[in-house]
Amino acid sequence: MQSLDDDQAVEVVTIPLAGKSSIADHMVIASGRSSRQVASMANKLADKIKKEFGRIVRIEGLPVADWVLIDADDVIVHLFRPEVRSFYNLERMWAFGDDAGVSAASSG
């Protein structure tokens, strides 16, 4: 979360998945203002996860960077350009009919 905040990600949302899905324990969704910013945030975040936590990180969606998925096993991060995020609306899909599980982090 700190890395995304440092890189000026906007509309950062966390969704707890533990007990709801076996794909991960947490999902983070955030936006960048451009494909270039999304790609930069994704690369920095993946490097930080590798260095600080020693995890294997898989990235999908580079170099186009309209939607980049970072899979760090128990945490999945989706980084979007705003138009693409709005189109796919993952927050609604993963809310399981309950917005109480979705929390927004304060950022830009």
PDB file of N, CA and C in Angstrom:
ATOM      1  N   MET A   1       0.830  -1.189   0.000  1.00  0.00           N
ATOM      2  CA  MET A   1       0.000   0.000   0.000  1.00  0.00           C
ATOM      3  C   MET A   1       0.880   1.261   0.000  1.00  0.00           C
ATOM      4  N   GLN A   2       1.975   1.197   0.748  1.00  0.00           N
ATOM      5  CA  GLN A   2       2.873   2.347   0.816  1.00  0.00           C
ATOM      6  C   GLN A   2       3.498   2.639  -0.553  1.00  0.00           C
ATOM      7  N   SER A   3       3.881   1.587  -1.258  1.00  0.00           N
ATOM      8  CA  SER A   3       4.476   1.753  -2.584  1.00  0.00           C
ATOM      9  C   SER A   3       3.489   2.438  -3.527  1.00  0.00           C
ATOM     10  N   LEU A   4       2.233   2.017  -3.496  1.00  0.00           N
ATOM     11  CA  LEU A   4       1.219   2.630  -4.362  1.00  0.00           C
ATOM     12  C   LEU A   4       0.989   4.080  -3.969  1.00  0.00           C
ATOM     13  N   ASP A   5       0.984   4.353  -2.671  1.00  0.00           N
ATOM     14  CA  ASP A   5       0.812   5.726  -2.207  1.00  0.00           C
ATOM     15  C   ASP A   5       1.999   6.591  -2.653  1.00  0.00           C
ATOM     16  N   ASP A   6       3.216   6.056  -2.516  1.00  0.00           N
ATOM     17  CA  ASP A   6       4.418   6.783  -2.942  1.00  0.00           C
ATOM     18  C   ASP A   6       4.383   7.115  -4.429  1.00  0.00           C
ATOM     19  N   ASP A   7       3.793   6.223  -5.224  1.00  0.00           N
ATOM     20  CA  ASP A   7       3.728   6.408  -6.673  1.00  0.00           C
ATOM     21  C   ASP A   7       2.465   7.144  -7.121  1.00  0.00           C
ATOM     22  N   GLN A   8       1.732   7.706  -6.168  1.00  0.00           N
ATOM     23  CA  GLN A   8       0.543   8.508  -6.429  1.00  0.00           C
ATOM     24  C   GLN A   8      -0.573   7.749  -7.138  1.00  0.00           C
ATOM     25  N   ALA A   9      -0.757   6.493  -6.745  1.00  0.00           N
ATOM     26  CA  ALA A   9      -1.904   5.735  -7.242  1.00  0.00           C
ATOM     27  C   ALA A   9      -3.175   6.412  -6.728  1.00  0.00           C
ATOM     28  N   VAL A  10      -4.229   6.313  -7.494  1.00  0.00           N
ATOM     29  CA  VAL A  10      -5.502   6.920  -7.093  1.00  0.00           C
ATOM     30  C   VAL A  10      -6.560   5.846  -6.900  1.00  0.00           C
ATOM     31  N   GLU A  11      -7.539   6.177  -6.071  1.00  0.00           N
ATOM     32  CA  GLU A  11      -8.671   5.286  -5.791  1.00  0.00           C
ATOM     33  C   GLU A  11      -8.209   3.879  -5.411  1.00  0.00           C
ATOM     34  N   VAL A  12      -7.347   3.797  -4.418  1.00  0.00           N
ATOM     35  CA  VAL A  12      -6.838   2.511  -3.959  1.00  0.00           C
ATOM     36  C   VAL A  12      -7.897   1.847  -3.079  1.00  0.00           C
ATOM     37  N   VAL A  13      -8.239   0.610  -3.411  1.00  0.00           N
ATOM     38  CA  VAL A  13      -9.259  -0.143  -2.695  1.00  0.00           C
ATOM     39  C   VAL A  13      -8.674  -1.497  -2.317  1.00  0.00           C
ATOM     40  N   THR A  14      -8.960  -1.957  -1.097  1.00  0.00           N
ATOM     41  CA  THR A  14      -8.563  -3.307  -0.696  1.00  0.00           C
ATOM     42  C   THR A  14      -9.821  -4.131  -0.459  1.00  0.00           C
ATOM     43  N   ILE A  15      -9.753  -5.383  -0.880  1.00  0.00           N
ATOM     44  CA  ILE A  15     -10.879  -6.293  -0.724  1.00  0.00           C
ATOM     45  C   ILE A  15     -10.371  -7.557  -0.036  1.00  0.00           C
ATOM     46  N   PRO A  16     -10.861  -7.863   1.167  1.00  0.00           N
ATOM     47  CA  PRO A  16     -10.458  -9.109   1.820  1.00  0.00           C
ATOM     48  C   PRO A  16     -11.131 -10.295   1.135  1.00  0.00           C
ATOM     49  N   LEU A  17     -10.347 -11.298   0.793  1.00  0.00           N
ATOM     50  CA  LEU A  17     -10.880 -12.475   0.109  1.00  0.00           C
ATOM     51  C   LEU A  17     -10.824 -13.736   0.959  1.00  0.00           C
ATOM     52  N   ALA A  18     -10.134 -13.677   2.096  1.00  0.00           N
ATOM     53  CA  ALA A  18     -10.004 -14.862   2.953  1.00  0.00           C
ATOM     54  C   ALA A  18     -11.393 -15.394   3.309  1.00  0.00           C
ATOM     55  N   GLY A  19     -11.594 -16.677   3.091  1.00  0.00           N
ATOM     56  CA  GLY A  19     -12.879 -17.301   3.354  1.00  0.00           C
ATOM     57  C   GLY A  19     -13.898 -17.122   2.247  1.00  0.00           C
ATOM     58  N   LYS A  20     -13.594 -16.277   1.263  1.00  0.00           N
ATOM     59  CA  LYS A  20     -14.511 -16.034   0.151  1.00  0.00           C
ATOM     60  C   LYS A  20     -14.006 -16.649  -1.147  1.00  0.00           C
ATOM     61  N   SER A  21     -12.667 -16.740  -1.269  1.00  0.00           N
ATOM     62  CA  SER A  21     -12.058 -17.254  -2.493  1.00  0.00           C
ATOM     63  C   SER A  21     -10.724 -17.899  -2.147  1.00  0.00           C
ATOM     64  N   SER A  22     -10.357 -18.899  -2.919  1.00  0.00           N
ATOM     65  CA  SER A  22      -9.083 -19.574  -2.686  1.00  0.00           C
ATOM     66  C   SER A  22      -7.944 -18.958  -3.512  1.00  0.00           C
ATOM     67  N   ILE A  23      -8.240 -17.953  -4.329  1.00  0.00           N
ATOM     68  CA  ILE A  23      -7.189 -17.393  -5.190  1.00  0.00           C
ATOM     69  C   ILE A  23      -6.195 -16.534  -4.428  1.00  0.00           C
ATOM     70  N   ALA A  24      -6.644 -15.895  -3.334  1.00  0.00           N
ATOM     71  CA  ALA A  24      -5.763 -15.030  -2.548  1.00  0.00           C
ATOM     72  C   ALA A  24      -6.490 -14.653  -1.262  1.00  0.00           C
ATOM     73  N   ASP A  25      -5.737 -14.050  -0.327  1.00  0.00           N
ATOM     74  CA  ASP A  25      -6.346 -13.555   0.908  1.00  0.00           C
ATOM     75  C   ASP A  25      -6.804 -12.109   0.771  1.00  0.00           C
ATOM     76  N   HIS A  26      -6.113 -11.346  -0.101  1.00  0.00           N
ATOM     77  CA  HIS A  26      -6.445  -9.935  -0.290  1.00  0.00           C
ATOM     78  C   HIS A  26      -6.315  -9.555  -1.754  1.00  0.00           C
ATOM     79  N   MET A  27      -7.146  -8.605  -2.159  1.00  0.00           N
ATOM     80  CA  MET A  27      -7.048  -8.032  -3.490  1.00  0.00           C
ATOM     81  C   MET A  27      -6.931  -6.514  -3.327  1.00  0.00           C
ATOM     82  N   VAL A  28      -6.034  -5.920  -4.086  1.00  0.00           N
ATOM     83  CA  VAL A  28      -5.870  -4.473  -4.088  1.00  0.00           C
ATOM     84  C   VAL A  28      -6.146  -3.994  -5.507  1.00  0.00           C
ATOM     85  N   ILE A  29      -6.943  -2.949  -5.619  1.00  0.00           N
ATOM     86  CA  ILE A  29      -7.269  -2.364  -6.914  1.00  0.00           C
ATOM     87  C   ILE A  29      -6.910  -0.885  -6.841  1.00  0.00           C
ATOM     88  N   ALA A  30      -6.186  -0.408  -7.851  1.00  0.00           N
ATOM     89  CA  ALA A  30      -5.781   1.002  -7.879  1.00  0.00           C
ATOM     90  C   ALA A  30      -5.691   1.472  -9.320  1.00  0.00           C
ATOM     91  N   SER A  31      -5.679   2.784  -9.473  1.00  0.00           N
ATOM     92  CA  SER A  31      -5.572   3.379 -10.808  1.00  0.00           C
ATOM     93  C   SER A  31      -4.337   4.270 -10.896  1.00  0.00           C
ATOM     94  N   GLY A  32      -3.828   4.351 -12.128  1.00  0.00           N
ATOM     95  CA  GLY A  32      -2.800   5.315 -12.472  1.00  0.00           C
ATOM     96  C   GLY A  32      -3.391   6.233 -13.514  1.00  0.00           C
ATOM     97  N   ARG A  33      -2.797   7.369 -13.705  1.00  0.00           N
ATOM     98  CA  ARG A  33      -3.353   8.351 -14.635  1.00  0.00           C
ATOM     99  C   ARG A  33      -3.081   8.029 -16.100  1.00  0.00           C
ATOM    100  N   SER A  34      -2.093   7.169 -16.354  1.00  0.00           N
ATOM    101  CA  SER A  34      -1.731   6.829 -17.732  1.00  0.00           C
ATOM    102  C   SER A  34      -1.140   5.428 -17.770  1.00  0.00           C
ATOM    103  N   SER A  35      -1.004   4.873 -18.960  1.00  0.00           N
ATOM    104  CA  SER A  35      -0.375   3.555 -19.107  1.00  0.00           C
ATOM    105  C   SER A  35       1.054   3.581 -18.595  1.00  0.00           C
ATOM    106  N   ARG A  36       1.725   4.678 -18.830  1.00  0.00           N
ATOM    107  CA  ARG A  36       3.111   4.810 -18.378  1.00  0.00           C
ATOM    108  C   ARG A  36       3.209   4.753 -16.850  1.00  0.00           C
ATOM    109  N   GLN A  37       2.300   5.463 -16.161  1.00  0.00           N
ATOM    110  CA  GLN A  37       2.303   5.436 -14.703  1.00  0.00           C
ATOM    111  C   GLN A  37       1.924   4.050 -14.190  1.00  0.00           C
ATOM    112  N   VAL A  38       0.948   3.405 -14.808  1.00  0.00           N
ATOM    113  CA  VAL A  38       0.536   2.061 -14.402  1.00  0.00           C
ATOM    114  C   VAL A  38       1.717   1.098 -14.523  1.00  0.00           C
ATOM    115  N   ALA A  39       2.431   1.148 -15.638  1.00  0.00           N
ATOM    116  CA  ALA A  39       3.586   0.265 -15.836  1.00  0.00           C
ATOM    117  C   ALA A  39       4.669   0.535 -14.807  1.00  0.00           C
ATOM    118  N   SER A  40       4.945   1.795 -14.533  1.00  0.00           N
ATOM    119  CA  SER A  40       5.959   2.165 -13.560  1.00  0.00           C
ATOM    120  C   SER A  40       5.581   1.669 -12.164  1.00  0.00           C
ATOM    121  N   MET A  41       4.332   1.887 -11.773  1.00  0.00           N
ATOM    122  CA  MET A  41       3.871   1.419 -10.458  1.00  0.00           C
ATOM    123  C   MET A  41       3.989  -0.096 -10.354  1.00  0.00           C
ATOM    124  N   ALA A  42       3.604  -0.798 -11.404  1.00  0.00           N
ATOM    125  CA  ALA A  42       3.648  -2.263 -11.397  1.00  0.00           C
ATOM    126  C   ALA A  42       5.077  -2.770 -11.235  1.00  0.00           C
ATOM    127  N   ASN A  43       5.999  -2.210 -11.992  1.00  0.00           N
ATOM    128  CA  ASN A  43       7.393  -2.644 -11.908  1.00  0.00           C
ATOM    129  C   ASN A  43       7.993  -2.356 -10.544  1.00  0.00           C
ATOM    130  N   LYS A  44       7.754  -1.167 -10.006  1.00  0.00           N
ATOM    131  CA  LYS A  44       8.283  -0.815  -8.693  1.00  0.00           C
ATOM    132  C   LYS A  44       7.694  -1.705  -7.600  1.00  0.00           C
ATOM    133  N   LEU A  45       6.389  -1.934  -7.664  1.00  0.00           N
ATOM    134  CA  LEU A  45       5.735  -2.759  -6.653  1.00  0.00           C
ATOM    135  C   LEU A  45       6.238  -4.198  -6.708  1.00  0.00           C
ATOM    136  N   ALA A  46       6.357  -4.750  -7.896  1.00  0.00           N
ATOM    137  CA  ALA A  46       6.853  -6.121  -8.044  1.00  0.00           C
ATOM    138  C   ALA A  46       8.275  -6.239  -7.502  1.00  0.00           C
ATOM    139  N   ASP A  47       9.130  -5.274  -7.812  1.00  0.00           N
ATOM    140  CA  ASP A  47      10.503  -5.292  -7.298  1.00  0.00           C
ATOM    141  C   ASP A  47      10.525  -5.217  -5.778  1.00  0.00           C
ATOM    142  N   LYS A  48       9.680  -4.358  -5.215  1.00  0.00           N
ATOM    143  CA  LYS A  48       9.623  -4.201  -3.763  1.00  0.00           C
ATOM    144  C   LYS A  48       9.159  -5.494  -3.079  1.00  0.00           C
ATOM    145  N   ILE A  49       8.159  -6.133  -3.647  1.00  0.00           N
ATOM    146  CA  ILE A  49       7.653  -7.388  -3.076  1.00  0.00           C
ATOM    147  C   ILE A  49       8.740  -8.456  -3.116  1.00  0.00           C
ATOM    148  N   LYS A  50       9.452  -8.549  -4.231  1.00  0.00           N
ATOM    149  CA  LYS A  50      10.539  -9.525  -4.357  1.00  0.00           C
ATOM    150  C   LYS A  50      11.632  -9.273  -3.334  1.00  0.00           C
ATOM    151  N   LYS A  51      12.072  -8.015  -3.212  1.00  0.00           N
ATOM    152  CA  LYS A  51      13.182  -7.674  -2.323  1.00  0.00           C
ATOM    153  C   LYS A  51      12.804  -7.760  -0.850  1.00  0.00           C
ATOM    154  N   GLU A  52      11.665  -7.189  -0.478  1.00  0.00           N
ATOM    155  CA  GLU A  52      11.302  -7.092   0.930  1.00  0.00           C
ATOM    156  C   GLU A  52      10.677  -8.359   1.494  1.00  0.00           C
ATOM    157  N   PHE A  53       9.995  -9.128   0.656  1.00  0.00           N
ATOM    158  CA  PHE A  53       9.293 -10.303   1.153  1.00  0.00           C
ATOM    159  C   PHE A  53       9.801 -11.603   0.565  1.00  0.00           C
ATOM    160  N   GLY A  54      10.704 -11.509  -0.409  1.00  0.00           N
ATOM    161  CA  GLY A  54      11.274 -12.702  -1.020  1.00  0.00           C
ATOM    162  C   GLY A  54      10.265 -13.579  -1.749  1.00  0.00           C
ATOM    163  N   ARG A  55       9.238 -12.970  -2.265  1.00  0.00           N
ATOM    164  CA  ARG A  55       8.184 -13.736  -2.952  1.00  0.00           C
ATOM    165  C   ARG A  55       8.410 -13.765  -4.458  1.00  0.00           C
ATOM    166  N   ILE A  56       7.913 -14.813  -5.046  1.00  0.00           N
ATOM    167  CA  ILE A  56       7.866 -14.887  -6.503  1.00  0.00           C
ATOM    168  C   ILE A  56       6.656 -14.074  -6.936  1.00  0.00           C
ATOM    169  N   VAL A  57       6.879 -13.176  -7.870  1.00  0.00           N
ATOM    170  CA  VAL A  57       5.813 -12.295  -8.337  1.00  0.00           C
ATOM    171  C   VAL A  57       5.597 -12.530  -9.821  1.00  0.00           C
ATOM    172  N   ARG A  58       4.346 -12.717 -10.198  1.00  0.00           N
ATOM    173  CA  ARG A  58       3.992 -12.870 -11.604  1.00  0.00           C
ATOM    174  C   ARG A  58       3.239 -11.616 -12.037  1.00  0.00           C
ATOM    175  N   ILE A  59       3.607 -11.118 -13.218  1.00  0.00           N
ATOM    176  CA  ILE A  59       2.979  -9.898 -13.741  1.00  0.00           C
ATOM    177  C   ILE A  59       2.380 -10.203 -15.113  1.00  0.00           C
ATOM    178  N   GLU A  60       1.155  -9.767 -15.313  1.00  0.00           N
ATOM    179  CA  GLU A  60       0.484  -9.870 -16.612  1.00  0.00           C
ATOM    180  C   GLU A  60       0.043  -8.474 -17.029  1.00  0.00           C
ATOM    181  N   GLY A  61       0.120  -8.175 -18.314  1.00  0.00           N
ATOM    182  CA  GLY A  61      -0.417  -6.923 -18.830  1.00  0.00           C
ATOM    183  C   GLY A  61       0.610  -5.880 -19.232  1.00  0.00           C
ATOM    184  N   LEU A  62       1.879  -6.166 -19.039  1.00  0.00           N
ATOM    185  CA  LEU A  62       2.919  -5.262 -19.526  1.00  0.00           C
ATOM    186  C   LEU A  62       3.266  -5.699 -20.935  1.00  0.00           C
ATOM    187  N   PRO A  63       3.651  -4.885 -21.844  1.00  0.00           N
ATOM    188  CA  PRO A  63       3.927  -3.457 -21.759  1.00  0.00           C
ATOM    189  C   PRO A  63       2.741  -2.554 -22.081  1.00  0.00           C
ATOM    190  N   VAL A  64       1.589  -3.096 -22.469  1.00  0.00           N
ATOM    191  CA  VAL A  64       0.451  -2.233 -22.818  1.00  0.00           C
ATOM    192  C   VAL A  64       0.016  -1.412 -21.607  1.00  0.00           C
ATOM    193  N   ALA A  65      -0.090  -2.050 -20.453  1.00  0.00           N
ATOM    194  CA  ALA A  65      -0.354  -1.402 -19.168  1.00  0.00           C
ATOM    195  C   ALA A  65      -1.685  -0.668 -19.075  1.00  0.00           C
ATOM    196  N   ASP A  66      -2.704  -1.151 -19.774  1.00  0.00           N
ATOM    197  CA  ASP A  66      -4.060  -0.648 -19.534  1.00  0.00           C
ATOM    198  C   ASP A  66      -4.583  -1.255 -18.237  1.00  0.00           C
ATOM    199  N   TRP A  67      -4.251  -2.554 -18.045  1.00  0.00           N
ATOM    200  CA  TRP A  67      -4.622  -3.300 -16.852  1.00  0.00           C
ATOM    201  C   TRP A  67      -3.462  -4.234 -16.570  1.00  0.00           C
ATOM    202  N   VAL A  68      -2.812  -4.041 -15.441  1.00  0.00           N
ATOM    203  CA  VAL A  68      -1.694  -4.892 -15.048  1.00  0.00           C
ATOM    204  C   VAL A  68      -2.096  -5.667 -13.802  1.00  0.00           C
ATOM    205  N   LEU A  69      -1.890  -6.965 -13.833  1.00  0.00           N
ATOM    206  CA  LEU A  69      -2.173  -7.820 -12.700  1.00  0.00           C
ATOM    207  C   LEU A  69      -0.849  -8.280 -12.096  1.00  0.00           C
ATOM    208  N   ILE A  70      -0.719  -8.105 -10.791  1.00  0.00           N
ATOM    209  CA  ILE A  70       0.451  -8.573 -10.059  1.00  0.00           C
ATOM    210  C   ILE A  70      -0.026  -9.648  -9.097  1.00  0.00           C
ATOM    211  N   ASP A  71       0.484 -10.858  -9.280  1.00  0.00           N
ATOM    212  CA  ASP A  71       0.110 -11.985  -8.431  1.00  0.00           C
ATOM    213  C   ASP A  71       1.277 -12.285  -7.499  1.00  0.00           C
ATOM    214  N   ALA A  72       1.083 -12.014  -6.204  1.00  0.00           N
ATOM    215  CA  ALA A  72       2.102 -12.281  -5.190  1.00  0.00           C
ATOM    216  C   ALA A  72       1.580 -13.335  -4.214  1.00  0.00           C
ATOM    217  N   ASP A  73       0.964 -14.364  -4.744  1.00  0.00           N
ATOM    218  CA  ASP A  73       0.373 -15.484  -4.012  1.00  0.00           C
ATOM    219  C   ASP A  73      -0.825 -15.081  -3.155  1.00  0.00           C
ATOM    220  N   ASP A  74      -0.617 -14.631  -1.920  1.00  0.00           N
ATOM    221  CA  ASP A  74      -1.775 -14.334  -1.073  1.00  0.00           C
ATOM    222  C   ASP A  74      -2.339 -12.929  -1.279  1.00  0.00           C
ATOM    223  N   VAL A  75      -1.684 -12.132  -2.128  1.00  0.00           N
ATOM    224  CA  VAL A  75      -2.181 -10.801  -2.477  1.00  0.00           C
ATOM    225  C   VAL A  75      -2.153 -10.649  -3.996  1.00  0.00           C
ATOM    226  N   ILE A  76      -3.259 -10.181  -4.537  1.00  0.00           N
ATOM    227  CA  ILE A  76      -3.353  -9.898  -5.966  1.00  0.00           C
ATOM    228  C   ILE A  76      -3.609  -8.407  -6.117  1.00  0.00           C
ATOM    229  N   VAL A  77      -2.825  -7.762  -6.978  1.00  0.00           N
ATOM    230  CA  VAL A  77      -2.962  -6.319  -7.197  1.00  0.00           C
ATOM    231  C   VAL A  77      -3.352  -6.086  -8.648  1.00  0.00           C
ATOM    232  N   HIS A  78      -4.400  -5.308  -8.833  1.00  0.00           N
ATOM    233  CA  HIS A  78      -4.850  -4.898 -10.169  1.00  0.00           C
ATOM    234  C   HIS A  78      -4.576  -3.405 -10.299  1.00  0.00           C
ATOM    235  N   LEU A  79      -3.808  -3.023 -11.305  1.00  0.00           N
ATOM    236  CA  LEU A  79      -3.537  -1.621 -11.582  1.00  0.00           C
ATOM    237  C   LEU A  79      -4.130  -1.282 -12.942  1.00  0.00           C
ATOM    238  N   PHE A  80      -4.915  -0.211 -12.994  1.00  0.00           N
ATOM    239  CA  PHE A  80      -5.667   0.143 -14.192  1.00  0.00           C
ATOM    240  C   PHE A  80      -5.438   1.586 -14.616  1.00  0.00           C
ATOM    241  N   ARG A  81      -5.671   1.828 -15.906  1.00  0.00           N
ATOM    242  CA  ARG A  81      -5.975   3.183 -16.353  1.00  0.00           C
ATOM    243  C   ARG A  81      -7.436   3.400 -15.956  1.00  0.00           C
ATOM    244  N   PRO A  82      -7.848   4.625 -15.607  1.00  0.00           N
ATOM    245  CA  PRO A  82      -9.205   4.854 -15.102  1.00  0.00           C
ATOM    246  C   PRO A  82     -10.330   4.346 -16.005  1.00  0.00           C
ATOM    247  N   GLU A  83     -10.204   4.535 -17.330  1.00  0.00           N
ATOM    248  CA  GLU A  83     -11.279   4.109 -18.234  1.00  0.00           C
ATOM    249  C   GLU A  83     -11.446   2.588 -18.220  1.00  0.00           C
ATOM    250  N   VAL A  84     -10.341   1.890 -18.156  1.00  0.00           N
ATOM    251  CA  VAL A  84     -10.376   0.423 -18.168  1.00  0.00           C
ATOM    252  C   VAL A  84     -10.939  -0.088 -16.848  1.00  0.00           C
ATOM    253  N   ARG A  85     -10.543   0.538 -15.753  1.00  0.00           N
ATOM    254  CA  ARG A  85     -11.069   0.148 -14.435  1.00  0.00           C
ATOM    255  C   ARG A  85     -12.576   0.326 -14.388  1.00  0.00           C
ATOM    256  N   SER A  86     -13.041   1.445 -14.891  1.00  0.00           N
ATOM    257  CA  SER A  86     -14.474   1.719 -14.908  1.00  0.00           C
ATOM    258  C   SER A  86     -15.230   0.678 -15.728  1.00  0.00           C
ATOM    259  N   PHE A  87     -14.658   0.269 -16.862  1.00  0.00           N
ATOM    260  CA  PHE A  87     -15.300  -0.713 -17.730  1.00  0.00           C
ATOM    261  C   PHE A  87     -15.445  -2.074 -17.036  1.00  0.00           C
ATOM    262  N   TYR A  88     -14.380  -2.553 -16.382  1.00  0.00           N
ATOM    263  CA  TYR A  88     -14.413  -3.883 -15.769  1.00  0.00           C
ATOM    264  C   TYR A  88     -15.041  -3.901 -14.386  1.00  0.00           C
ATOM    265  N   ASN A  89     -14.977  -2.796 -13.662  1.00  0.00           N
ATOM    266  CA  ASN A  89     -15.648  -2.641 -12.373  1.00  0.00           C
ATOM    267  C   ASN A  89     -15.446  -3.844 -11.437  1.00  0.00           C
ATOM    268  N   LEU A  90     -14.189  -4.196 -11.196  1.00  0.00           N
ATOM    269  CA  LEU A  90     -13.879  -5.343 -10.346  1.00  0.00           C
ATOM    270  C   LEU A  90     -14.382  -5.196  -8.922  1.00  0.00           C
ATOM    271  N   GLU A  91     -14.431  -3.987  -8.414  1.00  0.00           N
ATOM    272  CA  GLU A  91     -14.920  -3.789  -7.050  1.00  0.00           C
ATOM    273  C   GLU A  91     -16.315  -4.366  -6.880  1.00  0.00           C
ATOM    274  N   ARG A  92     -17.172  -4.108  -7.843  1.00  0.00           N
ATOM    275  CA  ARG A  92     -18.541  -4.617  -7.757  1.00  0.00           C
ATOM    276  C   ARG A  92     -18.567  -6.137  -7.889  1.00  0.00           C
ATOM    277  N   MET A  93     -17.744  -6.658  -8.791  1.00  0.00           N
ATOM    278  CA  MET A  93     -17.717  -8.099  -9.005  1.00  0.00           C
ATOM    279  C   MET A  93     -17.291  -8.846  -7.749  1.00  0.00           C
ATOM    280  N   TRP A  94     -16.313  -8.295  -7.000  1.00  0.00           N
ATOM    281  CA  TRP A  94     -15.765  -8.976  -5.835  1.00  0.00           C
ATOM    282  C   TRP A  94     -16.404  -8.566  -4.520  1.00  0.00           C
ATOM    283  N   ALA A  95     -17.415  -7.716  -4.545  1.00  0.00           N
ATOM    284  CA  ALA A  95     -18.054  -7.279  -3.309  1.00  0.00           C
ATOM    285  C   ALA A  95     -18.969  -8.350  -2.723  1.00  0.00           C
ATOM    286  N   PHE A  96     -19.310  -9.375  -3.499  1.00  0.00           N
ATOM    287  CA  PHE A  96     -20.172 -10.465  -3.041  1.00  0.00           C
ATOM    288  C   PHE A  96     -21.490  -9.933  -2.466  1.00  0.00           C
ATOM    289  N   GLY A  97     -22.011  -8.888  -3.118  1.00  0.00           N
ATOM    290  CA  GLY A  97     -23.284  -8.324  -2.679  1.00  0.00           C
ATOM    291  C   GLY A  97     -23.182  -7.581  -1.363  1.00  0.00           C
ATOM    292  N   ASP A  98     -21.970  -7.255  -0.925  1.00  0.00           N
ATOM    293  CA  ASP A  98     -21.768  -6.650   0.382  1.00  0.00           C
ATOM    294  C   ASP A  98     -20.608  -5.669   0.290  1.00  0.00           C
ATOM    295  N   ASP A  99     -20.894  -4.382   0.312  1.00  0.00           N
ATOM    296  CA  ASP A  99     -19.831  -3.380   0.209  1.00  0.00           C
ATOM    297  C   ASP A  99     -19.037  -3.226   1.494  1.00  0.00           C
ATOM    298  N   ALA A 100     -19.474  -3.863   2.580  1.00  0.00           N
ATOM    299  CA  ALA A 100     -18.762  -3.731   3.852  1.00  0.00           C
ATOM    300  C   ALA A 100     -17.351  -4.325   3.772  1.00  0.00           C
ATOM    301  N   GLY A 101     -17.138  -5.274   2.884  1.00  0.00           N
ATOM    302  CA  GLY A 101     -15.814  -5.899   2.772  1.00  0.00           C
ATOM    303  C   GLY A 101     -14.826  -5.097   1.943  1.00  0.00           C
ATOM    304  N   VAL A 102     -15.302  -4.076   1.261  1.00  0.00           N
ATOM    305  CA  VAL A 102     -14.443  -3.274   0.401  1.00  0.00           C
ATOM    306  C   VAL A 102     -14.049  -2.011   1.158  1.00  0.00           C
ATOM    307  N   SER A 103     -12.753  -1.737   1.232  1.00  0.00           N
ATOM    308  CA  SER A 103     -12.332  -0.516   1.915  1.00  0.00           C
ATOM    309  C   SER A 103     -11.436   0.304   1.013  1.00  0.00           C
ATOM    310  N   ALA A 104     -11.638   1.591   1.062  1.00  0.00           N
ATOM    311  CA  ALA A 104     -10.824   2.515   0.267  1.00  0.00           C
ATOM    312  C   ALA A 104      -9.720   3.060   1.148  1.00  0.00           C
ATOM    313  N   ALA A 105      -8.528   3.103   0.579  1.00  0.00           N
ATOM    314  CA  ALA A 105      -7.400   3.713   1.278  1.00  0.00           C
ATOM    315  C   ALA A 105      -7.337   5.170   0.857  1.00  0.00           C
ATOM    316  N   SER A 106      -6.827   6.006   1.731  1.00  0.00           N
ATOM    317  CA  SER A 106      -6.746   7.418   1.375  1.00  0.00           C
ATOM    318  C   SER A 106      -5.560   7.658   0.454  1.00  0.00           C
ATOM    319  N   SER A 107      -5.836   8.184  -0.701  1.00  0.00           N
ATOM    320  CA  SER A 107      -4.783   8.570  -1.641  1.00  0.00           C
ATOM    321  C   SER A 107      -5.352   9.548  -2.638  1.00  0.00           C
ATOM    322  N   GLY A 108      -4.429  10.337  -3.230  1.00  0.00           N
ATOM    323  CA  GLY A 108      -4.698  11.335  -4.242  1.00  0.00           C
ATOM    324  C   GLY A 108      -6.061  11.423  -4.665  1.00  0.00           C
TER     325      GLY A 108
END
